[in-house]
Amino acid sequence: GSILGMSASEVEFNGHEVVKDAIGEVTNMMVGGFKNALCDVGFPCKLTLPTIVRGNHLKVSAIKGTARHIFRFDCGGGSLFADIQVKME
């Protein structure tokens, strides 16, 4: 709600798509900065669009030939995971 400038009831009224869109935008900003930093030091990069998945007991498979890094963030009684997969060519 804070990121969106909305109260908890407004977020609930607007549904999960609002939260998904906000997380997607934050993800784009963070990863875009990371990508630009890599390009600045000579590593040309391509990004895929972020995929936002919600649920319990999820399993995400690694993409073949990638280095995988999973980060967990806990906030407000919930957890957010960032699953980053990098393929060097």
Protein backbone atom coordinates (compact mmCIF):
# COMPACT_ATOMS: atom_id res chain seq x y z
CA GLY A 1 0.00 0.00 0.00
CA SER A 2 2.82 2.41 0.80
CA ILE A 3 4.42 2.02 -2.62
CA LEU A 4 1.07 2.53 -4.32
CA GLY A 5 -0.03 5.38 -2.06
CA MET A 6 -3.09 3.34 -1.10
CA SER A 7 -4.63 2.19 2.15
CA ALA A 8 -4.86 -1.54 2.88
CA SER A 9 -8.58 -1.46 2.07
CA GLU A 10 -7.90 0.25 -1.29
CA VAL A 11 -5.31 -2.39 -2.18
CA GLU A 12 -7.75 -5.14 -1.21
CA PHE A 13 -10.54 -3.49 -3.23
CA ASN A 14 -8.32 -3.20 -6.35
CA GLY A 15 -7.16 -6.81 -6.11
CA HIS A 16 -3.92 -8.69 -6.55
CA GLU A 17 -3.22 -7.27 -10.03
CA VAL A 18 -2.36 -3.89 -8.49
CA VAL A 19 0.22 -5.51 -6.20
CA LYS A 20 1.57 -7.64 -9.06
CA ASP A 21 2.00 -4.56 -11.27
CA ALA A 22 3.79 -2.64 -8.50
CA ILE A 23 6.19 -5.51 -7.81
CA GLY A 24 6.82 -5.85 -11.55
CA GLU A 25 7.71 -2.15 -11.81
CA VAL A 26 10.05 -2.28 -8.79
CA THR A 27 11.66 -5.40 -10.27
CA ASN A 28 12.16 -3.67 -13.63
CA MET A 29 13.84 -0.69 -11.93
CA MET A 30 16.18 -2.83 -9.84
CA VAL A 31 17.17 -5.22 -12.61
CA GLY A 32 17.47 -2.40 -15.15
CA GLY A 33 20.03 -0.69 -12.92
CA PHE A 34 21.94 -3.95 -12.49
CA LYS A 35 21.88 -4.55 -16.26
CA ASN A 36 23.15 -1.04 -16.97
CA ALA A 37 26.01 -1.48 -14.50
CA LEU A 38 27.04 -4.72 -16.23
CA CYS A 39 26.89 -3.05 -19.65
CA ASP A 40 28.99 -0.14 -18.35
CA VAL A 41 31.84 -2.53 -17.51
CA GLY A 42 31.68 -4.36 -20.84
CA PHE A 43 29.16 -7.17 -20.39
CA PRO A 44 26.42 -6.82 -23.01
CA CYS A 45 23.12 -7.98 -21.50
CA LYS A 46 19.56 -8.88 -22.42
CA LEU A 47 16.73 -9.10 -19.93
CA THR A 48 13.53 -11.07 -19.95
CA LEU A 49 10.36 -9.60 -18.53
CA PRO A 50 9.94 -10.37 -14.83
CA THR A 51 7.49 -13.09 -13.93
CA ILE A 52 5.48 -12.50 -10.77
CA VAL A 53 4.13 -15.70 -9.18
CA ARG A 54 2.00 -15.86 -6.03
CA GLY A 55 1.10 -18.94 -4.05
CA ASN A 56 2.17 -21.46 -1.47
CA HIS A 57 4.68 -24.28 -1.86
CA LEU A 58 5.82 -23.18 -5.32
CA LYS A 59 8.60 -24.83 -7.23
CA VAL A 60 10.45 -22.99 -9.99
CA SER A 61 12.81 -24.93 -12.23
CA ALA A 62 16.16 -23.53 -13.27
CA ILE A 63 16.80 -22.70 -16.89
CA LYS A 64 19.41 -25.03 -18.39
CA GLY A 65 22.89 -23.51 -18.55
CA THR A 66 22.30 -20.69 -16.06
CA ALA A 67 23.83 -19.68 -12.76
CA ARG A 68 20.96 -19.43 -10.27
CA HIS A 69 20.74 -17.20 -7.21
CA ILE A 70 17.71 -17.14 -4.90
CA PHE A 71 17.19 -14.32 -2.41
CA ARG A 72 14.53 -14.23 0.33
CA PHE A 73 13.10 -11.03 1.76
CA ASP A 74 10.76 -11.10 4.80
CA CYS A 75 8.37 -8.23 5.37
CA GLY A 76 5.06 -7.80 7.15
CA GLY A 77 4.72 -11.47 8.01
CA GLY A 78 5.21 -12.59 4.41
CA SER A 79 8.15 -13.56 2.24
CA LEU A 80 9.28 -12.41 -1.19
CA PHE A 81 11.75 -14.48 -3.18
CA ALA A 82 13.88 -13.23 -6.04
CA ASP A 83 15.01 -16.10 -8.27
CA ILE A 84 17.71 -14.73 -10.57
CA GLN A 85 19.11 -16.88 -13.34
CA VAL A 86 22.07 -15.67 -15.38
CA LYS A 87 23.34 -17.24 -18.57
CA MET A 88 26.80 -16.19 -19.75
CA GLU A 89 27.40 -16.56 -23.47
